[in-house]
């Protein structure tokens, strides 16, 4: 089996860096990102983010915390309300 897939017969033969599916470009695809806004209930300031990970990093919580707050409509750290943004910029 190993000899049958060795060298040029291997599907990953010659693929390195960006062209290698396992070791190439990493990160979140923009098509998988959910635009999110955070409303500071004390200052009424609204912060807009391209992803839940970015929103979480901005306030020092994980993206899972952002997801849970979005589903449950709970306030994060007693300060932030999370809202999902639609494609046209409205909530």
PDB file of N, CA and C in Angstrom:
ATOM      1  N   UNK A   1       0.831  -1.185   0.000  1.00  0.00           N
ATOM      2  CA  UNK A   1       0.000   0.000   0.000  1.00  0.00           C
ATOM      3  C   UNK A   1       0.886   1.264   0.000  1.00  0.00           C
ATOM      4  N   UNK A   2       1.924   1.277   0.814  1.00  0.00           N
ATOM      5  CA  UNK A   2       2.798   2.447   0.868  1.00  0.00           C
ATOM      6  C   UNK A   2       3.495   2.667  -0.471  1.00  0.00           C
ATOM      7  N   UNK A   3       3.958   1.594  -1.084  1.00  0.00           N
ATOM      8  CA  UNK A   3       4.660   1.711  -2.361  1.00  0.00           C
ATOM      9  C   UNK A   3       3.705   2.184  -3.463  1.00  0.00           C
ATOM     10  N   UNK A   4       2.449   1.798  -3.380  1.00  0.00           N
ATOM     11  CA  UNK A   4       1.476   2.167  -4.405  1.00  0.00           C
ATOM     12  C   UNK A   4       1.174   3.669  -4.389  1.00  0.00           C
ATOM     13  N   UNK A   5       1.332   4.301  -3.240  1.00  0.00           N
ATOM     14  CA  UNK A   5       1.034   5.725  -3.114  1.00  0.00           C
ATOM     15  C   UNK A   5       2.290   6.583  -2.955  1.00  0.00           C
ATOM     16  N   UNK A   6       3.435   6.037  -3.254  1.00  0.00           N
ATOM     17  CA  UNK A   6       4.691   6.770  -3.095  1.00  0.00           C
ATOM     18  C   UNK A   6       4.967   7.662  -4.304  1.00  0.00           C
ATOM     19  N   UNK A   7       5.669   8.761  -4.042  1.00  0.00           N
ATOM     20  CA  UNK A   7       6.108   9.650  -5.123  1.00  0.00           C
ATOM     21  C   UNK A   7       4.973  10.332  -5.843  1.00  0.00           C
ATOM     22  N   UNK A   8       5.042  10.408  -7.167  1.00  0.00           N
ATOM     23  CA  UNK A   8       4.045  11.142  -7.949  1.00  0.00           C
ATOM     24  C   UNK A   8       2.633  10.557  -7.867  1.00  0.00           C
ATOM     25  N   UNK A   9       2.495   9.335  -7.391  1.00  0.00           N
ATOM     26  CA  UNK A   9       1.170   8.720  -7.273  1.00  0.00           C
ATOM     27  C   UNK A   9       0.427   9.224  -6.031  1.00  0.00           C
ATOM     28  N   UNK A  10       1.147   9.866  -5.124  1.00  0.00           N
ATOM     29  CA  UNK A  10       0.540  10.397  -3.915  1.00  0.00           C
ATOM     30  C   UNK A  10      -0.253  11.661  -4.264  1.00  0.00           C
ATOM     31  N   UNK A  11      -1.505  11.774  -3.799  1.00  0.00           N
ATOM     32  CA  UNK A  11      -2.315  12.945  -4.139  1.00  0.00           C
ATOM     33  C   UNK A  11      -1.730  14.270  -3.630  1.00  0.00           C
ATOM     34  N   UNK A  12      -0.862  14.228  -2.615  1.00  0.00           N
ATOM     35  CA  UNK A  12      -0.255  15.441  -2.082  1.00  0.00           C
ATOM     36  C   UNK A  12       1.166  15.652  -2.576  1.00  0.00           C
ATOM     37  N   UNK A  13       1.594  14.862  -3.543  1.00  0.00           N
ATOM     38  CA  UNK A  13       2.950  14.970  -4.070  1.00  0.00           C
ATOM     39  C   UNK A  13       3.162  16.343  -4.702  1.00  0.00           C
ATOM     40  N   UNK A  14       4.191  17.038  -4.268  1.00  0.00           N
ATOM     41  CA  UNK A  14       4.535  18.338  -4.829  1.00  0.00           C
ATOM     42  C   UNK A  14       3.767  19.512  -4.252  1.00  0.00           C
ATOM     43  N   UNK A  15       2.831  19.257  -3.367  1.00  0.00           N
ATOM     44  CA  UNK A  15       2.063  20.347  -2.771  1.00  0.00           C
ATOM     45  C   UNK A  15       2.740  20.789  -1.480  1.00  0.00           C
ATOM     46  N   UNK A  16       3.002  22.065  -1.403  1.00  0.00           N
ATOM     47  CA  UNK A  16       3.619  22.623  -0.199  1.00  0.00           C
ATOM     48  C   UNK A  16       2.947  23.947   0.146  1.00  0.00           C
ATOM     49  N   UNK A  17       3.110  24.381   1.360  1.00  0.00           N
ATOM     50  CA  UNK A  17       2.619  25.694   1.780  1.00  0.00           C
ATOM     51  C   UNK A  17       1.161  25.923   1.477  1.00  0.00           C
ATOM     52  N   UNK A  18       0.862  27.005   0.767  1.00  0.00           N
ATOM     53  CA  UNK A  18      -0.513  27.409   0.475  1.00  0.00           C
ATOM     54  C   UNK A  18      -1.275  26.377  -0.349  1.00  0.00           C
ATOM     55  N   UNK A  19      -0.589  25.610  -1.184  1.00  0.00           N
ATOM     56  CA  UNK A  19      -1.292  24.655  -2.035  1.00  0.00           C
ATOM     57  C   UNK A  19      -1.613  23.346  -1.321  1.00  0.00           C
ATOM     58  N   UNK A  20      -1.078  23.149  -0.119  1.00  0.00           N
ATOM     59  CA  UNK A  20      -1.331  21.911   0.624  1.00  0.00           C
ATOM     60  C   UNK A  20      -2.572  22.091   1.487  1.00  0.00           C
ATOM     61  N   UNK A  21      -3.537  21.215   1.346  1.00  0.00           N
ATOM     62  CA  UNK A  21      -4.810  21.385   2.029  1.00  0.00           C
ATOM     63  C   UNK A  21      -4.712  21.249   3.542  1.00  0.00           C
ATOM     64  N   UNK A  22      -3.763  20.483   4.045  1.00  0.00           N
ATOM     65  CA  UNK A  22      -3.642  20.311   5.491  1.00  0.00           C
ATOM     66  C   UNK A  22      -2.749  21.350   6.146  1.00  0.00           C
ATOM     67  N   UNK A  23      -1.809  21.896   5.412  1.00  0.00           N
ATOM     68  CA  UNK A  23      -0.838  22.793   6.017  1.00  0.00           C
ATOM     69  C   UNK A  23      -0.830  24.179   5.395  1.00  0.00           C
ATOM     70  N   UNK A  24      -1.744  24.467   4.529  1.00  0.00           N
ATOM     71  CA  UNK A  24      -1.775  25.739   3.821  1.00  0.00           C
ATOM     72  C   UNK A  24      -2.406  26.842   4.639  1.00  0.00           C
ATOM     73  N   UNK A  25      -3.153  27.686   3.982  1.00  0.00           N
ATOM     74  CA  UNK A  25      -3.763  28.861   4.612  1.00  0.00           C
ATOM     75  C   UNK A  25      -4.714  28.432   5.721  1.00  0.00           C
ATOM     76  N   UNK A  26      -4.606  29.108   6.833  1.00  0.00           N
ATOM     77  CA  UNK A  26      -5.465  28.819   7.986  1.00  0.00           C
ATOM     78  C   UNK A  26      -6.333  30.032   8.267  1.00  0.00           C
ATOM     79  N   UNK A  27      -7.376  29.825   9.036  1.00  0.00           N
ATOM     80  CA  UNK A  27      -8.215  30.945   9.449  1.00  0.00           C
ATOM     81  C   UNK A  27      -9.661  30.747   9.044  1.00  0.00           C
ATOM     82  N   UNK A  28     -10.455  31.710   9.405  1.00  0.00           N
ATOM     83  CA  UNK A  28     -11.882  31.654   9.145  1.00  0.00           C
ATOM     84  C   UNK A  28     -12.170  32.199   7.754  1.00  0.00           C
ATOM     85  N   UNK A  29     -12.949  31.477   6.993  1.00  0.00           N
ATOM     86  CA  UNK A  29     -13.362  31.964   5.684  1.00  0.00           C
ATOM     87  C   UNK A  29     -14.390  33.077   5.884  1.00  0.00           C
ATOM     88  N   UNK A  30     -14.311  34.110   5.092  1.00  0.00           N
ATOM     89  CA  UNK A  30     -15.255  35.210   5.226  1.00  0.00           C
ATOM     90  C   UNK A  30     -16.692  34.762   5.017  1.00  0.00           C
ATOM     91  N   UNK A  31     -16.881  33.751   4.194  1.00  0.00           N
ATOM     92  CA  UNK A  31     -18.234  33.265   3.957  1.00  0.00           C
ATOM     93  C   UNK A  31     -18.810  32.578   5.194  1.00  0.00           C
ATOM     94  N   UNK A  32     -17.943  32.178   6.133  1.00  0.00           N
ATOM     95  CA  UNK A  32     -18.402  31.512   7.350  1.00  0.00           C
ATOM     96  C   UNK A  32     -18.519  32.479   8.520  1.00  0.00           C
ATOM     97  N   UNK A  33     -18.080  33.711   8.346  1.00  0.00           N
ATOM     98  CA  UNK A  33     -18.116  34.697   9.416  1.00  0.00           C
ATOM     99  C   UNK A  33     -19.521  35.251   9.580  1.00  0.00           C
ATOM    100  N   UNK A  34     -19.876  35.538  10.822  1.00  0.00           N
ATOM    101  CA  UNK A  34     -21.161  36.144  11.118  1.00  0.00           C
ATOM    102  C   UNK A  34     -20.897  37.545  11.635  1.00  0.00           C
ATOM    103  N   UNK A  35     -21.341  38.545  10.891  1.00  0.00           N
ATOM    104  CA  UNK A  35     -21.147  39.933  11.308  1.00  0.00           C
ATOM    105  C   UNK A  35     -21.912  40.161  12.610  1.00  0.00           C
ATOM    106  N   UNK A  36     -21.234  40.777  13.569  1.00  0.00           N
ATOM    107  CA  UNK A  36     -21.759  40.913  14.914  1.00  0.00           C
ATOM    108  C   UNK A  36     -21.558  42.337  15.409  1.00  0.00           C
ATOM    109  N   UNK A  37     -22.493  42.821  16.212  1.00  0.00           N
ATOM    110  CA  UNK A  37     -22.313  44.120  16.847  1.00  0.00           C
ATOM    111  C   UNK A  37     -22.454  43.961  18.352  1.00  0.00           C
ATOM    112  N   UNK A  38     -21.738  44.803  19.085  1.00  0.00           N
ATOM    113  CA  UNK A  38     -21.801  44.820  20.538  1.00  0.00           C
ATOM    114  C   UNK A  38     -22.288  46.193  20.971  1.00  0.00           C
ATOM    115  N   UNK A  39     -23.342  46.223  21.756  1.00  0.00           N
ATOM    116  CA  UNK A  39     -23.878  47.469  22.282  1.00  0.00           C
ATOM    117  C   UNK A  39     -23.439  47.605  23.727  1.00  0.00           C
ATOM    118  N   UNK A  40     -22.707  48.658  24.034  1.00  0.00           N
ATOM    119  CA  UNK A  40     -22.318  48.962  25.405  1.00  0.00           C
ATOM    120  C   UNK A  40     -23.511  49.652  26.048  1.00  0.00           C
ATOM    121  N   UNK A  41     -24.138  49.020  27.051  1.00  0.00           N
ATOM    122  CA  UNK A  41     -25.383  49.555  27.597  1.00  0.00           C
ATOM    123  C   UNK A  41     -25.165  50.776  28.484  1.00  0.00           C
ATOM    124  N   UNK A  42     -23.928  51.023  28.911  1.00  0.00           N
ATOM    125  CA  UNK A  42     -23.666  52.213  29.728  1.00  0.00           C
ATOM    126  C   UNK A  42     -23.410  53.443  28.866  1.00  0.00           C
ATOM    127  N   UNK A  43     -22.617  53.298  27.819  1.00  0.00           N
ATOM    128  CA  UNK A  43     -22.253  54.438  26.981  1.00  0.00           C
ATOM    129  C   UNK A  43     -23.090  54.520  25.704  1.00  0.00           C
ATOM    130  N   UNK A  44     -23.897  53.501  25.433  1.00  0.00           N
ATOM    131  CA  UNK A  44     -24.718  53.406  24.210  1.00  0.00           C
ATOM    132  C   UNK A  44     -23.873  53.347  22.943  1.00  0.00           C
ATOM    133  N   UNK A  45     -22.604  53.029  23.084  1.00  0.00           N
ATOM    134  CA  UNK A  45     -21.703  52.896  21.935  1.00  0.00           C
ATOM    135  C   UNK A  45     -21.912  51.526  21.286  1.00  0.00           C
ATOM    136  N   UNK A  46     -21.949  51.490  19.975  1.00  0.00           N
ATOM    137  CA  UNK A  46     -22.108  50.239  19.240  1.00  0.00           C
ATOM    138  C   UNK A  46     -20.805  49.958  18.492  1.00  0.00           C
ATOM    139  N   UNK A  47     -20.268  48.753  18.694  1.00  0.00           N
ATOM    140  CA  UNK A  47     -19.054  48.321  18.001  1.00  0.00           C
ATOM    141  C   UNK A  47     -19.443  47.253  16.988  1.00  0.00           C
ATOM    142  N   UNK A  48     -18.937  47.372  15.768  1.00  0.00           N
ATOM    143  CA  UNK A  48     -19.268  46.427  14.698  1.00  0.00           C
ATOM    144  C   UNK A  48     -18.054  45.560  14.387  1.00  0.00           C
ATOM    145  N   UNK A  49     -18.298  44.257  14.171  1.00  0.00           N
ATOM    146  CA  UNK A  49     -17.222  43.309  13.893  1.00  0.00           C
ATOM    147  C   UNK A  49     -17.622  42.398  12.740  1.00  0.00           C
ATOM    148  N   UNK A  50     -16.597  41.924  12.013  1.00  0.00           N
ATOM    149  CA  UNK A  50     -16.839  41.025  10.888  1.00  0.00           C
ATOM    150  C   UNK A  50     -17.060  39.584  11.317  1.00  0.00           C
ATOM    151  N   UNK A  51     -16.683  39.244  12.548  1.00  0.00           N
ATOM    152  CA  UNK A  51     -16.863  37.867  13.021  1.00  0.00           C
ATOM    153  C   UNK A  51     -17.077  37.843  14.524  1.00  0.00           C
ATOM    154  N   UNK A  52     -17.598  36.737  15.004  1.00  0.00           N
ATOM    155  CA  UNK A  52     -17.801  36.558  16.437  1.00  0.00           C
ATOM    156  C   UNK A  52     -16.457  36.452  17.160  1.00  0.00           C
ATOM    157  N   UNK A  53     -15.462  35.896  16.502  1.00  0.00           N
ATOM    158  CA  UNK A  53     -14.130  35.806  17.105  1.00  0.00           C
ATOM    159  C   UNK A  53     -13.535  37.191  17.334  1.00  0.00           C
ATOM    160  N   UNK A  54     -13.687  38.080  16.358  1.00  0.00           N
ATOM    161  CA  UNK A  54     -13.185  39.445  16.511  1.00  0.00           C
ATOM    162  C   UNK A  54     -13.902  40.166  17.650  1.00  0.00           C
ATOM    163  N   UNK A  55     -15.212  39.980  17.736  1.00  0.00           N
ATOM    164  CA  UNK A  55     -15.992  40.617  18.797  1.00  0.00           C
ATOM    165  C   UNK A  55     -15.553  40.110  20.169  1.00  0.00           C
ATOM    166  N   UNK A  56     -15.343  38.813  20.274  1.00  0.00           N
ATOM    167  CA  UNK A  56     -14.897  38.238  21.541  1.00  0.00           C
ATOM    168  C   UNK A  56     -13.522  38.733  21.944  1.00  0.00           C
ATOM    169  N   UNK A  57     -12.621  38.815  20.976  1.00  0.00           N
ATOM    170  CA  UNK A  57     -11.262  39.276  21.260  1.00  0.00           C
ATOM    171  C   UNK A  57     -11.270  40.733  21.713  1.00  0.00           C
ATOM    172  N   UNK A  58     -12.174  41.539  21.183  1.00  0.00           N
ATOM    173  CA  UNK A  58     -12.223  42.958  21.526  1.00  0.00           C
ATOM    174  C   UNK A  58     -12.626  43.186  22.985  1.00  0.00           C
ATOM    175  N   UNK A  59     -13.459  42.308  23.523  1.00  0.00           N
ATOM    176  CA  UNK A  59     -13.900  42.500  24.908  1.00  0.00           C
ATOM    177  C   UNK A  59     -13.319  41.466  25.866  1.00  0.00           C
ATOM    178  N   UNK A  60     -12.445  40.611  25.351  1.00  0.00           N
ATOM    179  CA  UNK A  60     -11.731  39.666  26.209  1.00  0.00           C
ATOM    180  C   UNK A  60     -12.499  38.425  26.607  1.00  0.00           C
ATOM    181  N   UNK A  61     -13.385  37.957  25.740  1.00  0.00           N
ATOM    182  CA  UNK A  61     -14.102  36.704  25.976  1.00  0.00           C
ATOM    183  C   UNK A  61     -13.933  35.809  24.758  1.00  0.00           C
ATOM    184  N   UNK A  62     -14.299  34.553  24.889  1.00  0.00           N
ATOM    185  CA  UNK A  62     -14.165  33.628  23.768  1.00  0.00           C
ATOM    186  C   UNK A  62     -15.325  33.808  22.785  1.00  0.00           C
ATOM    187  N   UNK A  63     -15.128  33.267  21.583  1.00  0.00           N
ATOM    188  CA  UNK A  63     -16.196  33.337  20.579  1.00  0.00           C
ATOM    189  C   UNK A  63     -17.403  32.518  21.011  1.00  0.00           C
ATOM    190  N   UNK A  64     -17.175  31.490  21.817  1.00  0.00           N
ATOM    191  CA  UNK A  64     -18.284  30.671  22.325  1.00  0.00           C
ATOM    192  C   UNK A  64     -19.185  31.499  23.242  1.00  0.00           C
ATOM    193  N   UNK A  65     -18.590  32.382  24.040  1.00  0.00           N
ATOM    194  CA  UNK A  65     -19.365  33.261  24.909  1.00  0.00           C
ATOM    195  C   UNK A  65     -20.235  34.187  24.067  1.00  0.00           C
ATOM    196  N   UNK A  66     -19.683  34.682  22.973  1.00  0.00           N
ATOM    197  CA  UNK A  66     -20.441  35.542  22.056  1.00  0.00           C
ATOM    198  C   UNK A  66     -21.606  34.756  21.454  1.00  0.00           C
ATOM    199  N   UNK A  67     -21.347  33.511  21.036  1.00  0.00           N
ATOM    200  CA  UNK A  67     -22.400  32.676  20.446  1.00  0.00           C
ATOM    201  C   UNK A  67     -23.527  32.422  21.443  1.00  0.00           C
ATOM    202  N   UNK A  68     -23.149  32.076  22.683  1.00  0.00           N
ATOM    203  CA  UNK A  68     -24.166  31.797  23.708  1.00  0.00           C
ATOM    204  C   UNK A  68     -25.006  33.039  24.013  1.00  0.00           C
ATOM    205  N   UNK A  69     -24.353  34.186  24.126  1.00  0.00           N
ATOM    206  CA  UNK A  69     -25.068  35.425  24.416  1.00  0.00           C
ATOM    207  C   UNK A  69     -25.999  35.797  23.266  1.00  0.00           C
ATOM    208  N   UNK A  70     -25.581  35.506  22.060  1.00  0.00           N
ATOM    209  CA  UNK A  70     -26.409  35.784  20.891  1.00  0.00           C
ATOM    210  C   UNK A  70     -27.679  34.935  20.913  1.00  0.00           C
ATOM    211  N   UNK A  71     -27.527  33.662  21.270  1.00  0.00           N
ATOM    212  CA  UNK A  71     -28.673  32.755  21.331  1.00  0.00           C
ATOM    213  C   UNK A  71     -29.595  33.049  22.505  1.00  0.00           C
ATOM    214  N   UNK A  72     -29.017  33.335  23.674  1.00  0.00           N
ATOM    215  CA  UNK A  72     -29.815  33.472  24.890  1.00  0.00           C
ATOM    216  C   UNK A  72     -30.249  34.901  25.178  1.00  0.00           C
ATOM    217  N   UNK A  73     -29.740  35.872  24.409  1.00  0.00           N
ATOM    218  CA  UNK A  73     -30.061  37.293  24.598  1.00  0.00           C
ATOM    219  C   UNK A  73     -29.600  37.801  25.960  1.00  0.00           C
ATOM    220  N   UNK A  74     -28.527  37.210  26.515  1.00  0.00           N
ATOM    221  CA  UNK A  74     -27.991  37.644  27.805  1.00  0.00           C
ATOM    222  C   UNK A  74     -26.933  38.715  27.608  1.00  0.00           C
ATOM    223  N   UNK A  75     -26.680  39.462  28.661  1.00  0.00           N
ATOM    224  CA  UNK A  75     -25.691  40.531  28.644  1.00  0.00           C
ATOM    225  C   UNK A  75     -24.347  39.962  29.091  1.00  0.00           C
ATOM    226  N   UNK A  76     -23.280  40.319  28.377  1.00  0.00           N
ATOM    227  CA  UNK A  76     -21.940  39.834  28.694  1.00  0.00           C
ATOM    228  C   UNK A  76     -21.261  40.823  29.635  1.00  0.00           C
ATOM    229  N   UNK A  77     -20.703  40.306  30.711  1.00  0.00           N
ATOM    230  CA  UNK A  77     -19.977  41.113  31.696  1.00  0.00           C
ATOM    231  C   UNK A  77     -20.814  42.265  32.245  1.00  0.00           C
ATOM    232  N   UNK A  78     -22.122  42.141  32.197  1.00  0.00           N
ATOM    233  CA  UNK A  78     -23.005  43.192  32.682  1.00  0.00           C
ATOM    234  C   UNK A  78     -22.906  44.480  31.885  1.00  0.00           C
ATOM    235  N   UNK A  79     -22.360  44.399  30.673  1.00  0.00           N
ATOM    236  CA  UNK A  79     -22.062  45.606  29.920  1.00  0.00           C
ATOM    237  C   UNK A  79     -22.433  45.550  28.439  1.00  0.00           C
ATOM    238  N   UNK A  80     -22.330  44.379  27.814  1.00  0.00           N
ATOM    239  CA  UNK A  80     -22.485  44.282  26.360  1.00  0.00           C
ATOM    240  C   UNK A  80     -23.674  43.419  25.956  1.00  0.00           C
ATOM    241  N   UNK A  81     -24.431  43.920  24.990  1.00  0.00           N
ATOM    242  CA  UNK A  81     -25.508  43.164  24.365  1.00  0.00           C
ATOM    243  C   UNK A  81     -25.017  42.792  22.964  1.00  0.00           C
ATOM    244  N   UNK A  82     -25.114  41.513  22.625  1.00  0.00           N
ATOM    245  CA  UNK A  82     -24.638  41.032  21.328  1.00  0.00           C
ATOM    246  C   UNK A  82     -25.797  40.977  20.348  1.00  0.00           C
ATOM    247  N   UNK A  83     -25.550  41.463  19.130  1.00  0.00           N
ATOM    248  CA  UNK A  83     -26.563  41.408  18.087  1.00  0.00           C
ATOM    249  C   UNK A  83     -25.932  40.913  16.801  1.00  0.00           C
ATOM    250  N   UNK A  84     -26.691  40.121  16.069  1.00  0.00           N
ATOM    251  CA  UNK A  84     -26.248  39.619  14.772  1.00  0.00           C
ATOM    252  C   UNK A  84     -26.616  40.654  13.720  1.00  0.00           C
ATOM    253  N   UNK A  85     -25.676  40.986  12.867  1.00  0.00           N
ATOM    254  CA  UNK A  85     -25.902  41.957  11.811  1.00  0.00           C
ATOM    255  C   UNK A  85     -26.383  41.247  10.547  1.00  0.00           C
ATOM    256  N   UNK A  86     -27.343  41.848   9.864  1.00  0.00           N
ATOM    257  CA  UNK A  86     -27.788  41.285   8.585  1.00  0.00           C
ATOM    258  C   UNK A  86     -26.840  41.748   7.493  1.00  0.00           C
ATOM    259  N   UNK A  87     -27.020  41.268   6.301  1.00  0.00           N
ATOM    260  CA  UNK A  87     -26.136  41.590   5.178  1.00  0.00           C
ATOM    261  C   UNK A  87     -26.154  43.062   4.802  1.00  0.00           C
ATOM    262  N   UNK A  88     -27.268  43.745   5.002  1.00  0.00           N
ATOM    263  CA  UNK A  88     -27.355  45.136   4.587  1.00  0.00           C
ATOM    264  C   UNK A  88     -26.981  46.122   5.697  1.00  0.00           C
ATOM    265  N   UNK A  89     -26.437  45.625   6.824  1.00  0.00           N
ATOM    266  CA  UNK A  89     -25.965  46.483   7.886  1.00  0.00           C
ATOM    267  C   UNK A  89     -26.987  46.764   8.976  1.00  0.00           C
ATOM    268  N   UNK A  90     -28.215  46.284   8.817  1.00  0.00           N
ATOM    269  CA  UNK A  90     -29.232  46.473   9.843  1.00  0.00           C
ATOM    270  C   UNK A  90     -29.273  45.253  10.746  1.00  0.00           C
ATOM    271  N   UNK A  91     -29.731  45.437  11.994  1.00  0.00           N
ATOM    272  CA  UNK A  91     -29.816  44.315  12.932  1.00  0.00           C
ATOM    273  C   UNK A  91     -31.129  43.604  12.818  1.00  0.00           C
TER     274      UNK A  91
END
